Amino acid sequence: MPARDKVSYASMISIYLKNDEFHKAESLYFEIPEGMRSIVADSAMVDAYAKAGIMNRAKEVFDRMPARNAFSWTSLISGYFELGEVDDAVHLFGRMPDREKNVVTWTTVILTLLCDAGAEFVCLEYYDKWAFECE
């Protein structure tokens, strides 16, 4: 690739991940020069690490992100739930800015993961808050 920019790095990482080439995506991600990372590349790696259950790496990338979006927040929260780390997931959800909470995040937290994890009381509490905010 002759000229690399934020878009080309993010695109290649996404392509690698969609083709189950995690190690190539990770390698390219760490080659990105300082100042060339984007929210798209960062979020893709948070999601990939979380799906692979490598939460320490997912959290490292997440913590270094200068800006986060609903996808990066939801990816990390989902990763914690998938590993049964409900307290970490709920704590992170509590830190998530309201402007980033969308239907996917609420669904992930309330209907799918919290209820499955056996935290029905907390699930109902969040459901009530979600219903109120959607009115």
N, C-alpha and C. Protein backbone atom coordinates (compact mmCIF):
# COMPACT_ATOMS: atom_id res chain seq x y z
N MET A 1 0.86 -1.16 0.00
CA MET A 1 0.00 0.00 0.00
C MET A 1 0.91 1.23 0.00
N PRO A 2 0.92 2.00 -1.08
CA PRO A 2 1.86 3.12 -1.19
C PRO A 2 1.62 4.23 -0.16
N ALA A 3 0.43 4.73 -0.04
CA ALA A 3 0.15 5.83 0.89
C ALA A 3 -0.86 5.35 1.93
N ARG A 4 -0.42 5.32 3.17
CA ARG A 4 -1.31 4.86 4.24
C ARG A 4 -1.80 6.06 5.03
N ASP A 5 -3.08 6.01 5.34
CA ASP A 5 -3.67 7.04 6.19
C ASP A 5 -4.62 6.37 7.18
N LYS A 6 -5.31 7.17 7.97
CA LYS A 6 -6.22 6.62 8.99
C LYS A 6 -7.26 5.70 8.37
N VAL A 7 -7.79 6.10 7.24
CA VAL A 7 -8.85 5.32 6.59
C VAL A 7 -8.31 3.99 6.08
N SER A 8 -7.14 4.00 5.45
CA SER A 8 -6.60 2.75 4.91
C SER A 8 -6.24 1.77 6.04
N TYR A 9 -5.67 2.28 7.14
CA TYR A 9 -5.37 1.39 8.27
C TYR A 9 -6.65 0.78 8.83
N ALA A 10 -7.63 1.62 9.09
CA ALA A 10 -8.90 1.13 9.66
C ALA A 10 -9.57 0.14 8.72
N SER A 11 -9.54 0.43 7.43
CA SER A 11 -10.16 -0.47 6.44
C SER A 11 -9.47 -1.83 6.41
N MET A 12 -8.15 -1.82 6.39
CA MET A 12 -7.42 -3.09 6.34
C MET A 12 -7.64 -3.91 7.62
N ILE A 13 -7.65 -3.25 8.76
CA ILE A 13 -7.90 -3.96 10.02
C ILE A 13 -9.28 -4.60 10.00
N SER A 14 -10.26 -3.84 9.55
CA SER A 14 -11.63 -4.36 9.47
C SER A 14 -11.72 -5.54 8.51
N ILE A 15 -11.03 -5.45 7.38
CA ILE A 15 -11.03 -6.54 6.40
C ILE A 15 -10.39 -7.79 6.99
N TYR A 16 -9.24 -7.61 7.64
CA TYR A 16 -8.59 -8.76 8.28
C TYR A 16 -9.52 -9.42 9.29
N LEU A 17 -10.16 -8.62 10.12
CA LEU A 17 -11.02 -9.18 11.16
C LEU A 17 -12.24 -9.89 10.56
N LYS A 18 -12.80 -9.33 9.49
CA LYS A 18 -13.95 -9.97 8.85
C LYS A 18 -13.56 -11.29 8.20
N ASN A 19 -12.29 -11.44 7.88
CA ASN A 19 -11.80 -12.68 7.26
C ASN A 19 -11.09 -13.58 8.27
N ASP A 20 -11.38 -13.36 9.55
CA ASP A 20 -10.82 -14.18 10.63
C ASP A 20 -9.29 -14.21 10.63
N GLU A 21 -8.69 -13.10 10.27
CA GLU A 21 -7.23 -13.00 10.31
C GLU A 21 -6.84 -12.06 11.45
N PHE A 22 -7.16 -12.51 12.65
CA PHE A 22 -6.96 -11.71 13.86
C PHE A 22 -5.51 -11.26 14.01
N HIS A 23 -4.57 -12.18 13.83
CA HIS A 23 -3.16 -11.85 14.05
C HIS A 23 -2.64 -10.81 13.06
N LYS A 24 -3.12 -10.86 11.82
CA LYS A 24 -2.73 -9.84 10.84
C LYS A 24 -3.30 -8.48 11.24
N ALA A 25 -4.55 -8.48 11.70
CA ALA A 25 -5.18 -7.23 12.14
C ALA A 25 -4.42 -6.65 13.32
N GLU A 26 -4.10 -7.50 14.28
CA GLU A 26 -3.38 -7.05 15.47
C GLU A 26 -1.99 -6.51 15.10
N SER A 27 -1.30 -7.21 14.24
CA SER A 27 0.03 -6.78 13.81
C SER A 27 -0.03 -5.42 13.12
N LEU A 28 -0.98 -5.26 12.21
CA LEU A 28 -1.14 -3.98 11.51
C LEU A 28 -1.52 -2.88 12.49
N TYR A 29 -2.39 -3.19 13.43
CA TYR A 29 -2.81 -2.19 14.42
C TYR A 29 -1.60 -1.64 15.17
N PHE A 30 -0.68 -2.51 15.56
CA PHE A 30 0.49 -2.05 16.31
C PHE A 30 1.53 -1.37 15.43
N GLU A 31 1.37 -1.46 14.12
CA GLU A 31 2.26 -0.75 13.19
C GLU A 31 1.79 0.69 12.94
N ILE A 32 0.56 0.99 13.30
CA ILE A 32 0.02 2.32 13.01
C ILE A 32 0.83 3.36 13.78
N PRO A 33 1.37 4.36 13.06
CA PRO A 33 2.14 5.41 13.73
C PRO A 33 1.26 6.24 14.68
N GLU A 34 1.90 6.79 15.69
CA GLU A 34 1.20 7.66 16.64
C GLU A 34 0.52 8.78 15.86
N GLY A 35 -0.69 9.07 16.20
CA GLY A 35 -1.44 10.13 15.53
C GLY A 35 -2.22 9.65 14.31
N MET A 36 -2.00 8.39 13.91
CA MET A 36 -2.70 7.87 12.73
C MET A 36 -3.83 6.91 13.11
N ARG A 37 -3.95 6.62 14.40
CA ARG A 37 -5.03 5.72 14.83
C ARG A 37 -6.35 6.46 14.72
N SER A 38 -7.40 5.70 14.53
CA SER A 38 -8.73 6.29 14.42
C SER A 38 -9.68 5.55 15.35
N ILE A 39 -10.81 6.17 15.60
CA ILE A 39 -11.82 5.54 16.45
C ILE A 39 -12.31 4.23 15.81
N VAL A 40 -12.28 4.16 14.50
CA VAL A 40 -12.72 2.95 13.80
C VAL A 40 -11.74 1.81 14.05
N ALA A 41 -10.45 2.06 13.88
CA ALA A 41 -9.43 1.02 14.11
C ALA A 41 -9.41 0.62 15.58
N ASP A 42 -9.43 1.61 16.48
CA ASP A 42 -9.43 1.32 17.91
C ASP A 42 -10.64 0.48 18.31
N SER A 43 -11.81 0.88 17.87
CA SER A 43 -13.04 0.16 18.21
C SER A 43 -13.04 -1.25 17.65
N ALA A 44 -12.52 -1.41 16.44
CA ALA A 44 -12.44 -2.75 15.84
C ALA A 44 -11.56 -3.66 16.68
N MET A 45 -10.45 -3.13 17.20
CA MET A 45 -9.56 -3.95 18.01
C MET A 45 -10.15 -4.23 19.39
N VAL A 46 -10.84 -3.26 19.98
CA VAL A 46 -11.53 -3.52 21.25
C VAL A 46 -12.51 -4.67 21.06
N ASP A 47 -13.29 -4.60 20.00
CA ASP A 47 -14.28 -5.64 19.71
C ASP A 47 -13.61 -7.00 19.47
N ALA A 48 -12.53 -7.01 18.69
CA ALA A 48 -11.84 -8.27 18.39
C ALA A 48 -11.25 -8.90 19.64
N TYR A 49 -10.59 -8.10 20.46
CA TYR A 49 -10.02 -8.63 21.71
C TYR A 49 -11.13 -9.13 22.63
N ALA A 50 -12.20 -8.36 22.75
CA ALA A 50 -13.31 -8.77 23.63
C ALA A 50 -13.93 -10.08 23.15
N LYS A 51 -14.15 -10.21 21.86
CA LYS A 51 -14.73 -11.45 21.32
C LYS A 51 -13.80 -12.64 21.52
N ALA A 52 -12.50 -12.36 21.54
CA ALA A 52 -11.52 -13.43 21.76
C ALA A 52 -11.31 -13.71 23.25
N GLY A 53 -11.96 -12.91 24.10
CA GLY A 53 -11.83 -13.10 25.54
C GLY A 53 -10.54 -12.56 26.12
N ILE A 54 -9.85 -11.72 25.36
CA ILE A 54 -8.59 -11.12 25.82
C ILE A 54 -8.90 -9.74 26.38
N MET A 55 -9.55 -9.74 27.54
CA MET A 55 -10.10 -8.50 28.09
C MET A 55 -9.03 -7.51 28.54
N ASN A 56 -7.88 -8.00 28.99
CA ASN A 56 -6.84 -7.05 29.40
C ASN A 56 -6.37 -6.22 28.20
N ARG A 57 -6.24 -6.84 27.04
CA ARG A 57 -5.86 -6.10 25.83
C ARG A 57 -7.00 -5.19 25.36
N ALA A 58 -8.22 -5.71 25.41
CA ALA A 58 -9.38 -4.89 25.01
C ALA A 58 -9.44 -3.63 25.87
N LYS A 59 -9.25 -3.80 27.17
CA LYS A 59 -9.30 -2.66 28.10
C LYS A 59 -8.15 -1.70 27.87
N GLU A 60 -6.95 -2.22 27.56
CA GLU A 60 -5.80 -1.35 27.27
C GLU A 60 -6.08 -0.45 26.07
N VAL A 61 -6.58 -1.05 24.99
CA VAL A 61 -6.89 -0.26 23.79
C VAL A 61 -7.99 0.74 24.12
N PHE A 62 -9.03 0.29 24.80
CA PHE A 62 -10.15 1.15 25.18
C PHE A 62 -9.66 2.34 26.01
N ASP A 63 -8.82 2.07 27.00
CA ASP A 63 -8.34 3.13 27.88
C ASP A 63 -7.46 4.15 27.16
N ARG A 64 -6.77 3.73 26.11
CA ARG A 64 -5.90 4.64 25.35
C ARG A 64 -6.66 5.45 24.30
N MET A 65 -7.91 5.08 24.05
CA MET A 65 -8.67 5.78 23.01
C MET A 65 -8.92 7.23 23.41
N PRO A 66 -8.59 8.18 22.54
CA PRO A 66 -8.87 9.58 22.87
C PRO A 66 -10.36 9.89 22.85
N ALA A 67 -11.10 9.13 22.06
CA ALA A 67 -12.56 9.28 21.99
C ALA A 67 -13.14 7.88 21.83
N ARG A 68 -14.35 7.70 22.35
CA ARG A 68 -15.01 6.40 22.26
C ARG A 68 -16.40 6.58 21.66
N ASN A 69 -16.91 5.52 21.07
CA ASN A 69 -18.26 5.57 20.53
C ASN A 69 -19.09 4.43 21.13
N ALA A 70 -20.35 4.37 20.76
CA ALA A 70 -21.23 3.34 21.31
C ALA A 70 -20.69 1.94 21.02
N PHE A 71 -20.09 1.75 19.85
CA PHE A 71 -19.56 0.44 19.47
C PHE A 71 -18.42 0.01 20.39
N SER A 72 -17.50 0.92 20.69
CA SER A 72 -16.37 0.55 21.55
C SER A 72 -16.84 0.25 22.97
N TRP A 73 -17.76 1.08 23.49
CA TRP A 73 -18.31 0.83 24.83
C TRP A 73 -19.04 -0.51 24.88
N THR A 74 -19.93 -0.73 23.92
CA THR A 74 -20.74 -1.95 23.92
C THR A 74 -19.88 -3.19 23.72
N SER A 75 -18.84 -3.09 22.91
CA SER A 75 -17.94 -4.24 22.69
C SER A 75 -17.26 -4.65 23.99
N LEU A 76 -16.77 -3.67 24.74
CA LEU A 76 -16.08 -3.99 25.99
C LEU A 76 -17.06 -4.53 27.03
N ILE A 77 -18.23 -3.92 27.13
CA ILE A 77 -19.26 -4.39 28.06
C ILE A 77 -19.66 -5.83 27.72
N SER A 78 -19.88 -6.10 26.45
CA SER A 78 -20.27 -7.46 26.02
C SER A 78 -19.19 -8.47 26.35
N GLY A 79 -17.93 -8.08 26.16
CA GLY A 79 -16.83 -8.98 26.47
C GLY A 79 -16.81 -9.37 27.93
N TYR A 80 -17.03 -8.40 28.81
CA TYR A 80 -17.08 -8.71 30.24
C TYR A 80 -18.23 -9.66 30.56
N PHE A 81 -19.39 -9.39 29.99
CA PHE A 81 -20.53 -10.28 30.23
C PHE A 81 -20.26 -11.69 29.74
N GLU A 82 -19.69 -11.81 28.56
CA GLU A 82 -19.43 -13.13 27.99
C GLU A 82 -18.51 -13.96 28.88
N LEU A 83 -17.61 -13.29 29.60
CA LEU A 83 -16.70 -13.99 30.50
C LEU A 83 -17.27 -14.15 31.90
N GLY A 84 -18.52 -13.68 32.08
CA GLY A 84 -19.16 -13.80 33.39
C GLY A 84 -18.73 -12.73 34.38
N GLU A 85 -18.05 -11.70 33.90
CA GLU A 85 -17.59 -10.61 34.76
C GLU A 85 -18.67 -9.53 34.81
N VAL A 86 -19.79 -9.89 35.42
CA VAL A 86 -20.99 -9.05 35.45
C VAL A 86 -20.72 -7.72 36.15
N ASP A 87 -20.03 -7.76 37.28
CA ASP A 87 -19.76 -6.52 38.02
C ASP A 87 -18.96 -5.53 37.18
N ASP A 88 -17.94 -6.03 36.47
CA ASP A 88 -17.15 -5.15 35.61
C ASP A 88 -18.00 -4.56 34.49
N ALA A 89 -18.86 -5.39 33.91
CA ALA A 89 -19.73 -4.93 32.83
C ALA A 89 -20.70 -3.86 33.32
N VAL A 90 -21.33 -4.10 34.46
CA VAL A 90 -22.30 -3.14 35.00
C VAL A 90 -21.60 -1.85 35.40
N HIS A 91 -20.41 -1.96 35.99
CA HIS A 91 -19.64 -0.77 36.36
C HIS A 91 -19.30 0.06 35.12
N LEU A 92 -18.84 -0.61 34.07
CA LEU A 92 -18.49 0.09 32.84
C LEU A 92 -19.73 0.74 32.21
N PHE A 93 -20.84 0.03 32.23
CA PHE A 93 -22.08 0.59 31.70
C PHE A 93 -22.47 1.85 32.48
N GLY A 94 -22.25 1.84 33.79
CA GLY A 94 -22.54 3.01 34.60
C GLY A 94 -21.65 4.20 34.26
N ARG A 95 -20.43 3.93 33.79
CA ARG A 95 -19.50 5.00 33.39
C ARG A 95 -19.77 5.50 31.97
N MET A 96 -20.50 4.73 31.21
CA MET A 96 -20.75 5.07 29.80
C MET A 96 -21.60 6.34 29.72
N PRO A 97 -21.15 7.33 28.94
CA PRO A 97 -21.96 8.55 28.79
C PRO A 97 -23.33 8.23 28.19
N ASP A 98 -24.35 8.89 28.71
CA ASP A 98 -25.71 8.64 28.23
C ASP A 98 -25.83 8.85 26.73
N ARG A 99 -25.09 9.81 26.19
CA ARG A 99 -25.18 10.10 24.74
C ARG A 99 -24.72 8.91 23.89
N GLU A 100 -23.92 8.01 24.48
CA GLU A 100 -23.42 6.84 23.75
C GLU A 100 -24.33 5.62 23.91
N LYS A 101 -25.26 5.68 24.84
CA LYS A 101 -26.15 4.54 25.07
C LYS A 101 -27.24 4.53 24.00
N ASN A 102 -27.24 3.47 23.21
CA ASN A 102 -28.24 3.35 22.16
C ASN A 102 -29.01 2.05 22.36
N VAL A 103 -29.88 1.75 21.44
CA VAL A 103 -30.72 0.56 21.55
C VAL A 103 -29.87 -0.71 21.65
N VAL A 104 -28.79 -0.78 20.89
CA VAL A 104 -27.93 -1.96 20.93
C VAL A 104 -27.31 -2.13 22.31
N THR A 105 -26.82 -1.04 22.88
CA THR A 105 -26.20 -1.12 24.21
C THR A 105 -27.22 -1.53 25.25
N TRP A 106 -28.38 -0.88 25.25
CA TRP A 106 -29.41 -1.22 26.23
C TRP A 106 -29.84 -2.67 26.07
N THR A 107 -30.02 -3.11 24.84
CA THR A 107 -30.42 -4.50 24.60
C THR A 107 -29.35 -5.46 25.10
N THR A 108 -28.11 -5.15 24.79
CA THR A 108 -26.99 -5.99 25.24
C THR A 108 -26.99 -6.11 26.75
N VAL A 109 -27.11 -4.98 27.42
CA VAL A 109 -27.01 -4.97 28.88
C VAL A 109 -28.24 -5.55 29.53
N ILE A 110 -29.39 -5.12 29.12
CA ILE A 110 -30.61 -5.49 29.85
C ILE A 110 -31.16 -6.84 29.43
N LEU A 111 -31.58 -6.93 28.21
CA LEU A 111 -32.36 -8.09 27.79
C LEU A 111 -31.53 -9.34 27.57
N THR A 112 -30.35 -9.19 27.05
CA THR A 112 -29.57 -10.37 26.71
C THR A 112 -28.67 -10.83 27.85
N LEU A 113 -27.81 -9.96 28.32
CA LEU A 113 -26.74 -10.41 29.19
C LEU A 113 -27.04 -10.35 30.67
N LEU A 114 -27.59 -9.26 31.18
CA LEU A 114 -27.88 -9.18 32.61
C LEU A 114 -28.89 -10.24 33.02
N CYS A 115 -29.95 -10.38 32.24
CA CYS A 115 -30.98 -11.36 32.59
C CYS A 115 -30.41 -12.78 32.53
N ASP A 116 -29.59 -13.06 31.53
CA ASP A 116 -28.97 -14.38 31.42
C ASP A 116 -28.00 -14.65 32.56
N ALA A 117 -27.40 -13.59 33.08
CA ALA A 117 -26.41 -13.75 34.15
C ALA A 117 -27.07 -13.94 35.51
N GLY A 118 -28.39 -13.86 35.56
CA GLY A 118 -29.10 -14.09 36.82
C GLY A 118 -29.24 -12.86 37.68
N ALA A 119 -29.07 -11.70 37.11
CA ALA A 119 -29.19 -10.45 37.87
C ALA A 119 -30.53 -9.79 37.54
N GLU A 120 -31.62 -10.52 37.77
CA GLU A 120 -32.94 -10.05 37.37
C GLU A 120 -33.31 -8.71 38.00
N PHE A 121 -32.99 -8.52 39.28
CA PHE A 121 -33.34 -7.27 39.95
C PHE A 121 -32.65 -6.08 39.27
N VAL A 122 -31.36 -6.23 39.00
CA VAL A 122 -30.62 -5.16 38.33
C VAL A 122 -31.15 -4.98 36.92
N CYS A 123 -31.50 -6.08 36.28
CA CYS A 123 -32.06 -6.04 34.93
C CYS A 123 -33.34 -5.21 34.90
N LEU A 124 -34.23 -5.46 35.83
CA LEU A 124 -35.49 -4.71 35.89
C LEU A 124 -35.25 -3.24 36.20
N GLU A 125 -34.28 -2.97 37.05
CA GLU A 125 -33.94 -1.58 37.39
C GLU A 125 -33.47 -0.83 36.14
N TYR A 126 -32.58 -1.44 35.36
CA TYR A 126 -32.10 -0.81 34.14
C TYR A 126 -33.21 -0.72 33.10
N TYR A 127 -34.07 -1.72 33.03
CA TYR A 127 -35.18 -1.69 32.08
C TYR A 127 -36.09 -0.50 32.38
N ASP A 128 -36.40 -0.28 33.65
CA ASP A 128 -37.23 0.86 34.03
C ASP A 128 -36.58 2.17 33.62
N LYS A 129 -35.27 2.28 33.83
CA LYS A 129 -34.55 3.51 33.46
C LYS A 129 -34.58 3.69 31.95
N TRP A 130 -34.36 2.60 31.21
CA TRP A 130 -34.36 2.66 29.76
C TRP A 130 -35.73 3.08 29.24
N ALA A 131 -36.78 2.47 29.78
CA ALA A 131 -38.14 2.79 29.34
C ALA A 131 -38.45 4.26 29.61
N PHE A 132 -38.01 4.77 30.75
CA PHE A 132 -38.25 6.17 31.09
C PHE A 132 -37.51 7.09 30.12
N GLU A 133 -36.27 6.77 29.79
CA GLU A 133 -35.48 7.61 28.89
C GLU A 133 -36.00 7.57 27.46
N CYS A 134 -36.67 6.51 27.09
CA CYS A 134 -37.19 6.38 25.72
C CYS A 134 -38.52 7.10 25.53
N GLU A 135 -39.15 7.53 26.63
CA GLU A 135 -40.45 8.20 26.51
C GLU A 135 -40.32 9.58 25.94
